[in-house]
PDB file of all heavy atoms in Angstrom:
ATOM      1  N   LYS A   1       0.822  -1.191   0.000  1.00  0.00           N
ATOM      2  CA  LYS A   1       0.000   0.000   0.000  1.00  0.00           C
ATOM      3  C   LYS A   1       0.869   1.259   0.000  1.00  0.00           C
ATOM      4  O   LYS A   1       1.822   1.366   0.779  1.00  0.00           O
ATOM      5  CB  LYS A   1      -0.922   0.031   1.218  1.00  0.00           C
ATOM      6  CG  LYS A   1      -1.894  -1.140   1.292  1.00  0.00           C
ATOM      7  CD  LYS A   1      -2.910  -1.088   0.145  1.00  0.00           C
ATOM      8  CE  LYS A   1      -3.960  -2.179   0.291  1.00  0.00           C
ATOM      9  NZ  LYS A   1      -4.920  -2.175  -0.838  1.00  0.00           N
ATOM     10  N   ILE A   2       0.533   2.201  -0.885  1.00  0.00           N
ATOM     11  CA  ILE A   2       1.319   3.418  -0.991  1.00  0.00           C
ATOM     12  C   ILE A   2       1.310   4.200   0.314  1.00  0.00           C
ATOM     13  O   ILE A   2       2.305   4.823   0.691  1.00  0.00           O
ATOM     14  CB  ILE A   2       0.799   4.306  -2.159  1.00  0.00           C
ATOM     15  CG1 ILE A   2       1.760   5.472  -2.406  1.00  0.00           C
ATOM     16  CG2 ILE A   2      -0.617   4.771  -1.904  1.00  0.00           C
ATOM     17  CD1 ILE A   2       3.116   5.084  -2.924  1.00  0.00           C
ATOM     18  N   GLU A   3       0.183   4.147   1.055  1.00  0.00           N
ATOM     19  CA  GLU A   3       0.115   4.895   2.316  1.00  0.00           C
ATOM     20  C   GLU A   3       1.055   4.327   3.367  1.00  0.00           C
ATOM     21  O   GLU A   3       1.495   5.043   4.276  1.00  0.00           O
ATOM     22  CB  GLU A   3      -1.323   4.933   2.858  1.00  0.00           C
ATOM     23  CG  GLU A   3      -1.951   3.572   3.078  1.00  0.00           C
ATOM     24  CD  GLU A   3      -2.775   3.110   1.891  1.00  0.00           C
ATOM     25  OE1 GLU A   3      -2.468   3.521   0.744  1.00  0.00           O
ATOM     26  OE2 GLU A   3      -3.736   2.329   2.108  1.00  0.00           O
ATOM     27  N   ASN A   4       1.377   3.050   3.251  1.00  0.00           N
ATOM     28  CA  ASN A   4       2.348   2.455   4.170  1.00  0.00           C
ATOM     29  C   ASN A   4       3.773   2.800   3.767  1.00  0.00           C
ATOM     30  O   ASN A   4       4.609   3.120   4.611  1.00  0.00           O
ATOM     31  CB  ASN A   4       2.173   0.947   4.234  1.00  0.00           C
ATOM     32  CG  ASN A   4       0.898   0.534   4.938  1.00  0.00           C
ATOM     33  OD1 ASN A   4       0.336   1.299   5.715  1.00  0.00           O
ATOM     34  ND2 ASN A   4       0.436  -0.677   4.672  1.00  0.00           N
ATOM     35  N   LEU A   5       4.047   2.747   2.481  1.00  0.00           N
ATOM     36  CA  LEU A   5       5.386   3.080   1.993  1.00  0.00           C
ATOM     37  C   LEU A   5       5.751   4.531   2.253  1.00  0.00           C
ATOM     38  O   LEU A   5       6.924   4.877   2.388  1.00  0.00           O
ATOM     39  CB  LEU A   5       5.488   2.806   0.489  1.00  0.00           C
ATOM     40  CG  LEU A   5       5.421   1.344   0.035  1.00  0.00           C
ATOM     41  CD1 LEU A   5       5.443   1.280  -1.490  1.00  0.00           C
ATOM     42  CD2 LEU A   5       6.573   0.538   0.615  1.00  0.00           C
ATOM     43  N   THR A   6       4.730   5.402   2.296  1.00  0.00           N
ATOM     44  CA  THR A   6       4.977   6.841   2.444  1.00  0.00           C
ATOM     45  C   THR A   6       4.620   7.366   3.831  1.00  0.00           C
ATOM     46  O   THR A   6       4.494   8.576   4.010  1.00  0.00           O
ATOM     47  CB  THR A   6       4.171   7.626   1.387  1.00  0.00           C
ATOM     48  OG1 THR A   6       2.775   7.322   1.547  1.00  0.00           O
ATOM     49  CG2 THR A   6       4.620   7.254  -0.016  1.00  0.00           C
ATOM     50  N   ASN A   7       4.474   6.484   4.793  1.00  0.00           N
ATOM     51  CA  ASN A   7       4.180   6.933   6.155  1.00  0.00           C
ATOM     52  C   ASN A   7       5.309   7.845   6.646  1.00  0.00           C
ATOM     53  O   ASN A   7       6.470   7.449   6.657  1.00  0.00           O
ATOM     54  CB  ASN A   7       4.042   5.729   7.088  1.00  0.00           C
ATOM     55  CG  ASN A   7       3.657   6.134   8.490  1.00  0.00           C
ATOM     56  OD1 ASN A   7       2.616   6.751   8.699  1.00  0.00           O
ATOM     57  ND2 ASN A   7       4.498   5.797   9.470  1.00  0.00           N
ATOM     58  N   GLY A   8       4.971   9.078   7.017  1.00  0.00           N
ATOM     59  CA  GLY A   8       5.974  10.032   7.462  1.00  0.00           C
ATOM     60  C   GLY A   8       6.545  10.891   6.351  1.00  0.00           C
ATOM     61  O   GLY A   8       7.389  11.755   6.605  1.00  0.00           O
ATOM     62  N   LEU A   9       6.098  10.675   5.123  1.00  0.00           N
ATOM     63  CA  LEU A   9       6.604  11.441   3.979  1.00  0.00           C
ATOM     64  C   LEU A   9       6.204  12.911   4.119  1.00  0.00           C
ATOM     65  O   LEU A   9       5.027  13.220   4.346  1.00  0.00           O
ATOM     66  CB  LEU A   9       6.030  10.872   2.682  1.00  0.00           C
ATOM     67  CG  LEU A   9       6.488  11.532   1.377  1.00  0.00           C
ATOM     68  CD1 LEU A   9       7.927  11.132   1.066  1.00  0.00           C
ATOM     69  CD2 LEU A   9       5.566  11.129   0.224  1.00  0.00           C
ATOM     70  N   PRO A  10       7.144  13.841   3.981  1.00  0.00           N
ATOM     71  CA  PRO A  10       6.811  15.266   4.065  1.00  0.00           C
ATOM     72  C   PRO A  10       5.802  15.679   2.992  1.00  0.00           C
ATOM     73  O   PRO A  10       5.787  15.125   1.891  1.00  0.00           O
ATOM     74  CB  PRO A  10       8.168  15.954   3.839  1.00  0.00           C
ATOM     75  CG  PRO A  10       9.180  14.937   4.285  1.00  0.00           C
ATOM     76  CD  PRO A  10       8.597  13.623   3.876  1.00  0.00           C
ATOM     77  N   ASP A  11       4.984  16.664   3.313  1.00  0.00           N
ATOM     78  CA  ASP A  11       3.936  17.120   2.406  1.00  0.00           C
ATOM     79  C   ASP A  11       4.471  17.574   1.057  1.00  0.00           C
ATOM     80  O   ASP A  11       3.777  17.455   0.042  1.00  0.00           O
ATOM     81  CB  ASP A  11       3.150  18.275   3.043  1.00  0.00           C
ATOM     82  CG  ASP A  11       2.319  17.826   4.238  1.00  0.00           C
ATOM     83  OD1 ASP A  11       2.160  16.602   4.426  1.00  0.00           O
ATOM     84  OD2 ASP A  11       1.842  18.695   4.986  1.00  0.00           O
ATOM     85  N   ILE A  12       5.685  18.081   1.021  1.00  0.00           N
ATOM     86  CA  ILE A  12       6.242  18.615  -0.229  1.00  0.00           C
ATOM     87  C   ILE A  12       6.388  17.531  -1.300  1.00  0.00           C
ATOM     88  O   ILE A  12       6.490  17.853  -2.491  1.00  0.00           O
ATOM     89  CB  ILE A  12       7.612  19.289   0.000  1.00  0.00           C
ATOM     90  CG1 ILE A  12       8.599  18.307   0.650  1.00  0.00           C
ATOM     91  CG2 ILE A  12       7.462  20.556   0.817  1.00  0.00           C
ATOM     92  CD1 ILE A  12      10.019  18.849   0.762  1.00  0.00           C
ATOM     93  N   PHE A  13       6.371  16.263  -0.892  1.00  0.00           N
ATOM     94  CA  PHE A  13       6.524  15.166  -1.852  1.00  0.00           C
ATOM     95  C   PHE A  13       5.210  14.463  -2.171  1.00  0.00           C
ATOM     96  O   PHE A  13       5.192  13.525  -2.974  1.00  0.00           O
ATOM     97  CB  PHE A  13       7.516  14.128  -1.318  1.00  0.00           C
ATOM     98  CG  PHE A  13       8.889  14.666  -1.030  1.00  0.00           C
ATOM     99  CD1 PHE A  13       9.522  14.380   0.173  1.00  0.00           C
ATOM    100  CD2 PHE A  13       9.557  15.449  -1.958  1.00  0.00           C
ATOM    101  CE1 PHE A  13      10.795  14.863   0.450  1.00  0.00           C
ATOM    102  CE2 PHE A  13      10.827  15.948  -1.692  1.00  0.00           C
ATOM    103  CZ  PHE A  13      11.448  15.651  -0.475  1.00  0.00           C
ATOM    104  N   HIS A  14       4.120  14.884  -1.553  1.00  0.00           N
ATOM    105  CA  HIS A  14       2.851  14.179  -1.724  1.00  0.00           C
ATOM    106  C   HIS A  14       2.365  14.202  -3.166  1.00  0.00           C
ATOM    107  O   HIS A  14       1.905  13.172  -3.690  1.00  0.00           O
ATOM    108  CB  HIS A  14       1.788  14.788  -0.803  1.00  0.00           C
ATOM    109  CG  HIS A  14       1.919  14.342   0.614  1.00  0.00           C
ATOM    110  ND1 HIS A  14       0.957  14.574   1.568  1.00  0.00           N
ATOM    111  CD2 HIS A  14       2.919  13.653   1.252  1.00  0.00           C
ATOM    112  CE1 HIS A  14       1.358  14.063   2.726  1.00  0.00           C
ATOM    113  NE2 HIS A  14       2.541  13.507   2.555  1.00  0.00           N
ATOM    114  N   GLU A  15       2.434  15.345  -3.815  1.00  0.00           N
ATOM    115  CA  GLU A  15       1.949  15.427  -5.191  1.00  0.00           C
ATOM    116  C   GLU A  15       2.705  14.456  -6.098  1.00  0.00           C
ATOM    117  O   GLU A  15       2.103  13.767  -6.930  1.00  0.00           O
ATOM    118  CB  GLU A  15       2.085  16.850  -5.733  1.00  0.00           C
ATOM    119  CG  GLU A  15       1.572  17.007  -7.159  1.00  0.00           C
ATOM    120  CD  GLU A  15       1.692  18.430  -7.675  1.00  0.00           C
ATOM    121  OE1 GLU A  15       2.138  19.318  -6.921  1.00  0.00           O
ATOM    122  OE2 GLU A  15       1.348  18.651  -8.855  1.00  0.00           O
ATOM    123  N   PHE A  16       3.992  14.369  -5.906  1.00  0.00           N
ATOM    124  CA  PHE A  16       4.819  13.475  -6.720  1.00  0.00           C
ATOM    125  C   PHE A  16       4.455  12.019  -6.488  1.00  0.00           C
ATOM    126  O   PHE A  16       4.291  11.242  -7.438  1.00  0.00           O
ATOM    127  CB  PHE A  16       6.297  13.708  -6.419  1.00  0.00           C
ATOM    128  CG  PHE A  16       7.235  12.812  -7.196  1.00  0.00           C
ATOM    129  CD1 PHE A  16       7.479  13.030  -8.533  1.00  0.00           C
ATOM    130  CD2 PHE A  16       7.872  11.749  -6.573  1.00  0.00           C
ATOM    131  CE1 PHE A  16       8.334  12.207  -9.251  1.00  0.00           C
ATOM    132  CE2 PHE A  16       8.734  10.916  -7.275  1.00  0.00           C
ATOM    133  CZ  PHE A  16       8.963  11.151  -8.617  1.00  0.00           C
ATOM    134  N   MET A  17       4.300  11.632  -5.224  1.00  0.00           N
ATOM    135  CA  MET A  17       4.082  10.224  -4.901  1.00  0.00           C
ATOM    136  C   MET A  17       2.642   9.769  -5.122  1.00  0.00           C
ATOM    137  O   MET A  17       2.402   8.601  -5.386  1.00  0.00           O
ATOM    138  CB  MET A  17       4.490   9.952  -3.446  1.00  0.00           C
ATOM    139  CG  MET A  17       5.987   9.947  -3.204  1.00  0.00           C
ATOM    140  SD  MET A  17       6.890   8.709  -4.194  1.00  0.00           S
ATOM    141  CE  MET A  17       6.094   7.197  -3.685  1.00  0.00           C
ATOM    142  N   TYR A  18       1.686  10.693  -5.044  1.00  0.00           N
ATOM    143  CA  TYR A  18       0.279  10.292  -5.118  1.00  0.00           C
ATOM    144  C   TYR A  18      -0.374  10.595  -6.465  1.00  0.00           C
ATOM    145  O   TYR A  18      -1.507  10.172  -6.709  1.00  0.00           O
ATOM    146  CB  TYR A  18      -0.527  10.961  -4.002  1.00  0.00           C
ATOM    147  CG  TYR A  18      -0.050  10.634  -2.614  1.00  0.00           C
ATOM    148  CD1 TYR A  18      -0.174  11.565  -1.582  1.00  0.00           C
ATOM    149  CD2 TYR A  18       0.523   9.396  -2.314  1.00  0.00           C
ATOM    150  CE1 TYR A  18       0.254  11.268  -0.292  1.00  0.00           C
ATOM    151  CE2 TYR A  18       0.958   9.099  -1.041  1.00  0.00           C
ATOM    152  CZ  TYR A  18       0.826  10.031  -0.027  1.00  0.00           C
ATOM    153  OH  TYR A  18       1.256   9.740   1.250  1.00  0.00           O
ATOM    154  N   GLU A  19       0.329  11.325  -7.326  1.00  0.00           N
ATOM    155  CA  GLU A  19      -0.228  11.658  -8.627  1.00  0.00           C
ATOM    156  C   GLU A  19       0.566  10.952  -9.731  1.00  0.00           C
ATOM    157  O   GLU A  19       1.488  10.195  -9.464  1.00  0.00           O
ATOM    158  CB  GLU A  19      -0.231  13.187  -8.831  1.00  0.00           C
ATOM    159  CG  GLU A  19      -1.023  13.949  -7.772  1.00  0.00           C
ATOM    160  CD  GLU A  19      -2.508  13.608  -7.764  1.00  0.00           C
ATOM    161  OE1 GLU A  19      -3.025  13.210  -8.842  1.00  0.00           O
ATOM    162  OE2 GLU A  19      -3.149  13.740  -6.715  1.00  0.00           O
ATOM    163  N   GLU A  20       0.191  11.229 -10.982  1.00  0.00           N
ATOM    164  CA  GLU A  20       0.879  10.599 -12.106  1.00  0.00           C
ATOM    165  C   GLU A  20       2.293  11.175 -12.275  1.00  0.00           C
ATOM    166  O   GLU A  20       2.524  12.334 -11.957  1.00  0.00           O
ATOM    167  CB  GLU A  20       0.081  10.825 -13.396  1.00  0.00           C
ATOM    168  CG  GLU A  20      -1.320  10.239 -13.370  1.00  0.00           C
ATOM    169  CD  GLU A  20      -1.337   8.721 -13.250  1.00  0.00           C
ATOM    170  OE1 GLU A  20      -0.289   8.085 -13.447  1.00  0.00           O
ATOM    171  OE2 GLU A  20      -2.405   8.179 -12.953  1.00  0.00           O
ATOM    172  N   PRO A  21       3.244  10.348 -12.748  1.00  0.00           N
ATOM    173  CA  PRO A  21       3.054   8.973 -13.228  1.00  0.00           C
ATOM    174  C   PRO A  21       3.202   7.898 -12.139  1.00  0.00           C
ATOM    175  O   PRO A  21       2.923   6.736 -12.395  1.00  0.00           O
ATOM    176  CB  PRO A  21       4.170   8.826 -14.249  1.00  0.00           C
ATOM    177  CG  PRO A  21       5.273   9.671 -13.704  1.00  0.00           C
ATOM    178  CD  PRO A  21       4.597  10.860 -13.064  1.00  0.00           C
ATOM    179  N   VAL A  22       3.630   8.290 -10.936  1.00  0.00           N
ATOM    180  CA  VAL A  22       3.848   7.293  -9.891  1.00  0.00           C
ATOM    181  C   VAL A  22       2.552   6.562  -9.558  1.00  0.00           C
ATOM    182  O   VAL A  22       2.556   5.360  -9.284  1.00  0.00           O
ATOM    183  CB  VAL A  22       4.440   7.958  -8.625  1.00  0.00           C
ATOM    184  CG1 VAL A  22       4.558   6.940  -7.491  1.00  0.00           C
ATOM    185  CG2 VAL A  22       5.804   8.556  -8.933  1.00  0.00           C
ATOM    186  N   LYS A  23       1.435   7.276  -9.615  1.00  0.00           N
ATOM    187  CA  LYS A  23       0.148   6.668  -9.291  1.00  0.00           C
ATOM    188  C   LYS A  23      -0.127   5.449 -10.157  1.00  0.00           C
ATOM    189  O   LYS A  23      -0.647   4.433  -9.674  1.00  0.00           O
ATOM    190  CB  LYS A  23      -0.969   7.704  -9.456  1.00  0.00           C
ATOM    191  CG  LYS A  23      -2.352   7.199  -9.075  1.00  0.00           C
ATOM    192  CD  LYS A  23      -3.391   8.310  -9.216  1.00  0.00           C
ATOM    193  CE  LYS A  23      -4.774   7.828  -8.824  1.00  0.00           C
ATOM    194  NZ  LYS A  23      -5.782   8.918  -8.960  1.00  0.00           N
ATOM    195  N   SER A  24       0.178   5.526 -11.436  1.00  0.00           N
ATOM    196  CA  SER A  24      -0.040   4.401 -12.348  1.00  0.00           C
ATOM    197  C   SER A  24       1.098   3.390 -12.302  1.00  0.00           C
ATOM    198  O   SER A  24       0.876   2.184 -12.409  1.00  0.00           O
ATOM    199  CB  SER A  24      -0.219   4.907 -13.780  1.00  0.00           C
ATOM    200  OG  SER A  24      -1.397   5.659 -13.911  1.00  0.00           O
ATOM    201  N   LEU A  25       2.320   3.876 -12.144  1.00  0.00           N
ATOM    202  CA  LEU A  25       3.470   2.976 -12.117  1.00  0.00           C
ATOM    203  C   LEU A  25       3.460   2.085 -10.875  1.00  0.00           C
ATOM    204  O   LEU A  25       3.898   0.945 -10.918  1.00  0.00           O
ATOM    205  CB  LEU A  25       4.771   3.787 -12.140  1.00  0.00           C
ATOM    206  CG  LEU A  25       5.135   4.482 -13.450  1.00  0.00           C
ATOM    207  CD1 LEU A  25       6.317   5.417 -13.228  1.00  0.00           C
ATOM    208  CD2 LEU A  25       5.451   3.464 -14.534  1.00  0.00           C
ATOM    209  N   LYS A  26       2.957   2.629  -9.754  1.00  0.00           N
ATOM    210  CA  LYS A  26       2.970   1.972  -8.451  1.00  0.00           C
ATOM    211  C   LYS A  26       4.375   2.045  -7.847  1.00  0.00           C
ATOM    212  O   LYS A  26       5.333   2.493  -8.483  1.00  0.00           O
ATOM    213  CB  LYS A  26       2.492   0.520  -8.520  1.00  0.00           C
ATOM    214  CG  LYS A  26       1.170   0.330  -9.233  1.00  0.00           C
ATOM    215  CD  LYS A  26       0.041   1.097  -8.583  1.00  0.00           C
ATOM    216  CE  LYS A  26      -1.281   0.839  -9.294  1.00  0.00           C
ATOM    217  NZ  LYS A  26      -2.395   1.659  -8.730  1.00  0.00           N
ATOM    218  N   SER A  27       4.509   1.594  -6.611  1.00  0.00           N
ATOM    219  CA  SER A  27       5.787   1.637  -5.901  1.00  0.00           C
ATOM    220  C   SER A  27       5.938   0.409  -5.013  1.00  0.00           C
ATOM    221  O   SER A  27       4.966  -0.074  -4.432  1.00  0.00           O
ATOM    222  CB  SER A  27       5.877   2.892  -5.012  1.00  0.00           C
ATOM    223  OG  SER A  27       5.804   4.072  -5.765  1.00  0.00           O
ATOM    224  N   THR A  28       7.186  -0.055  -4.939  1.00  0.00           N
ATOM    225  CA  THR A  28       7.511  -1.085  -3.952  1.00  0.00           C
ATOM    226  C   THR A  28       8.468  -0.530  -2.900  1.00  0.00           C
ATOM    227  O   THR A  28       8.718  -1.170  -1.883  1.00  0.00           O
ATOM    228  CB  THR A  28       8.129  -2.338  -4.608  1.00  0.00           C
ATOM    229  OG1 THR A  28       9.197  -1.944  -5.484  1.00  0.00           O
ATOM    230  CG2 THR A  28       7.075  -3.108  -5.394  1.00  0.00           C
ATOM    231  N   PHE A  29       9.031   0.654  -3.157  1.00  0.00           N
ATOM    232  CA  PHE A  29       9.841   1.305  -2.127  1.00  0.00           C
ATOM    233  C   PHE A  29       9.850   2.810  -2.334  1.00  0.00           C
ATOM    234  O   PHE A  29       9.630   3.306  -3.437  1.00  0.00           O
ATOM    235  CB  PHE A  29      11.278   0.752  -2.083  1.00  0.00           C
ATOM    236  CG  PHE A  29      12.141   1.111  -3.261  1.00  0.00           C
ATOM    237  CD1 PHE A  29      12.897   2.271  -3.278  1.00  0.00           C
ATOM    238  CD2 PHE A  29      12.234   0.242  -4.357  1.00  0.00           C
ATOM    239  CE1 PHE A  29      13.711   2.584  -4.362  1.00  0.00           C
ATOM    240  CE2 PHE A  29      13.043   0.543  -5.438  1.00  0.00           C
ATOM    241  CZ  PHE A  29      13.788   1.713  -5.438  1.00  0.00           C
ATOM    242  N   CYS A  30      10.089   3.534  -1.251  1.00  0.00           N
ATOM    243  CA  CYS A  30      10.147   4.991  -1.276  1.00  0.00           C
ATOM    244  C   CYS A  30      11.098   5.461  -0.188  1.00  0.00           C
ATOM    245  O   CYS A  30      11.003   5.021   0.969  1.00  0.00           O
ATOM    246  CB  CYS A  30       8.751   5.583  -1.053  1.00  0.00           C
ATOM    247  SG  CYS A  30       8.710   7.394  -0.936  1.00  0.00           S
ATOM    248  N   ILE A  31      12.030   6.336  -0.553  1.00  0.00           N
ATOM    249  CA  ILE A  31      12.933   6.956   0.419  1.00  0.00           C
ATOM    250  C   ILE A  31      13.005   8.438   0.115  1.00  0.00           C
ATOM    251  O   ILE A  31      12.714   8.868  -1.006  1.00  0.00           O
ATOM    252  CB  ILE A  31      14.352   6.329   0.389  1.00  0.00           C
ATOM    253  CG1 ILE A  31      14.998   6.527  -0.986  1.00  0.00           C
ATOM    254  CG2 ILE A  31      14.309   4.857   0.775  1.00  0.00           C
ATOM    255  CD1 ILE A  31      16.461   6.074  -1.040  1.00  0.00           C
ATOM    256  N   TRP A  32      13.403   9.224   1.099  1.00  0.00           N
ATOM    257  CA  TRP A  32      13.451  10.667   0.874  1.00  0.00           C
ATOM    258  C   TRP A  32      14.464  11.343   1.799  1.00  0.00           C
ATOM    259  O   TRP A  32      14.902  10.779   2.801  1.00  0.00           O
ATOM    260  CB  TRP A  32      12.066  11.274   1.092  1.00  0.00           C
ATOM    261  CG  TRP A  32      11.514  11.108   2.475  1.00  0.00           C
ATOM    262  CD1 TRP A  32      11.714  11.923   3.559  1.00  0.00           C
ATOM    263  CD2 TRP A  32      10.680  10.026   2.942  1.00  0.00           C
ATOM    264  NE1 TRP A  32      11.054  11.430   4.651  1.00  0.00           N
ATOM    265  CE2 TRP A  32      10.399  10.285   4.312  1.00  0.00           C
ATOM    266  CE3 TRP A  32      10.119   8.893   2.328  1.00  0.00           C
ATOM    267  CZ2 TRP A  32       9.601   9.426   5.066  1.00  0.00           C
ATOM    268  CZ3 TRP A  32       9.329   8.049   3.096  1.00  0.00           C
ATOM    269  CH2 TRP A  32       9.079   8.316   4.439  1.00  0.00           C
ATOM    270  N   SER A  33      14.804  12.580   1.423  1.00  0.00           N
ATOM    271  CA  SER A  33      15.702  13.406   2.231  1.00  0.00           C
ATOM    272  C   SER A  33      15.248  14.857   2.138  1.00  0.00           C
ATOM    273  O   SER A  33      14.973  15.349   1.045  1.00  0.00           O
ATOM    274  CB  SER A  33      17.152  13.283   1.755  1.00  0.00           C
ATOM    275  OG  SER A  33      17.997  14.174   2.468  1.00  0.00           O
ATOM    276  N   VAL A  34      15.180  15.519   3.277  1.00  0.00           N
ATOM    277  CA  VAL A  34      14.830  16.944   3.273  1.00  0.00           C
ATOM    278  C   VAL A  34      16.009  17.813   3.703  1.00  0.00           C
ATOM    279  O   VAL A  34      16.036  19.008   3.398  1.00  0.00           O
ATOM    280  CB  VAL A  34      13.605  17.231   4.177  1.00  0.00           C
ATOM    281  CG1 VAL A  34      12.344  16.687   3.552  1.00  0.00           C
ATOM    282  CG2 VAL A  34      13.807  16.672   5.571  1.00  0.00           C
ATOM    283  N   ASP A  35      16.976  17.235   4.390  1.00  0.00           N
ATOM    284  CA  ASP A  35      18.139  18.017   4.805  1.00  0.00           C
ATOM    285  C   ASP A  35      19.312  17.868   3.849  1.00  0.00           C
ATOM    286  O   ASP A  35      20.352  18.502   4.015  1.00  0.00           O
ATOM    287  CB  ASP A  35      18.571  17.653   6.228  1.00  0.00           C
ATOM    288  CG  ASP A  35      19.045  16.211   6.366  1.00  0.00           C
ATOM    289  OD1 ASP A  35      19.147  15.497   5.345  1.00  0.00           O
ATOM    290  OD2 ASP A  35      19.314  15.781   7.512  1.00  0.00           O
ATOM    291  N   GLY A  36      19.138  17.007   2.818  1.00  0.00           N
ATOM    292  CA  GLY A  36      20.187  16.827   1.827  1.00  0.00           C
ATOM    293  C   GLY A  36      21.258  15.839   2.231  1.00  0.00           C
ATOM    294  O   GLY A  36      22.166  15.559   1.450  1.00  0.00           O
TER     295      GLY A  36
END
């Protein structure tokens, strides 16, 4: 489930992860960095 993979994901990345093309491609993993 995308909501499990993105638990804790900052709001700035929500559009990318929840909209196209990721929405159609689906995901098996997600990682992120906000401090670089």
